[in-house]
Structures are given as structure tokens and as C-alpha cells.
Amino acid sequence: MKDISNIPLKRKFVIHKHTRETDVHWDLMIEWPDVLKTWRLDSPPEKLTNEKTKATPIQDHDKKFLTYQGPVNNGTGTVELADEGTCTIESDDGKILKIAFTGRILKRALILEK
């Protein structure tokens, strides 16, 4: 099991709806010590309560995205807040990350398989 003792138990998270021309997806961002760890989701937060979705790790983001909404990618897309709240990393064994979410919409534990 990975040592997660240096990671705050409770941290902030956001889910952005990311729109770019004909592409719409959601970015799950979780506060880490220096960055926001980010995964691209194929489904909105309201579907995560009872459906599986693909979560693809993408590049870390700056912490400013915890509150940012507006144009991104040099004006080729926009992000808007879809959900926000706190989460707790329950376990991380290097292959499976279990996270409990307490958001406005997402209120359950999810397992992200690496």
C-alpha cells in the first residue's frame, strides 16, 4: 500500500464541465499538496451516483481551477463548475484509489482503477 500519510485526509475537489466545439466531457480535479490531480470523465457527476464511467488520468492542473470558470485552451473551449465539495482518500495501493466524495451532487465513494 502506498504511504498517503503526507496527504491531507480531507481535501477539496471540483468537477468541471469542459466544452470544446463538439466535445463535451467532465474533469474531476482533486486537491493534492501542490497541484490538482485530474481525470477526464465521460459522464457528468449526476450519473456517477449509480453508473460506472471511464476516468482517464490527464495532466495535473493548477490549483486556481478549484474556483475558475470561463474560457480555456486559448479560447477554444470553456469550463463551468458542475460539482464541488470535499473528499477523503480512503486507500491507495498503487493500482486502486478509493475516494469518498461529499459534494453538492456526488455523495459516495468511488474506486479509480489505475
Foldseek 3Di string as FASTA:
>chain_A
DDDCVVWDFKWKWFKKFKDFPPDTWIWIWTDTPFFTFIWIWRDAQLPVQPDDIDTHTDDTHGPVVLPDWAADPVRRITIDTRKMDMKGFPDDPPFKTWIADDIPRHGGIDIHGD
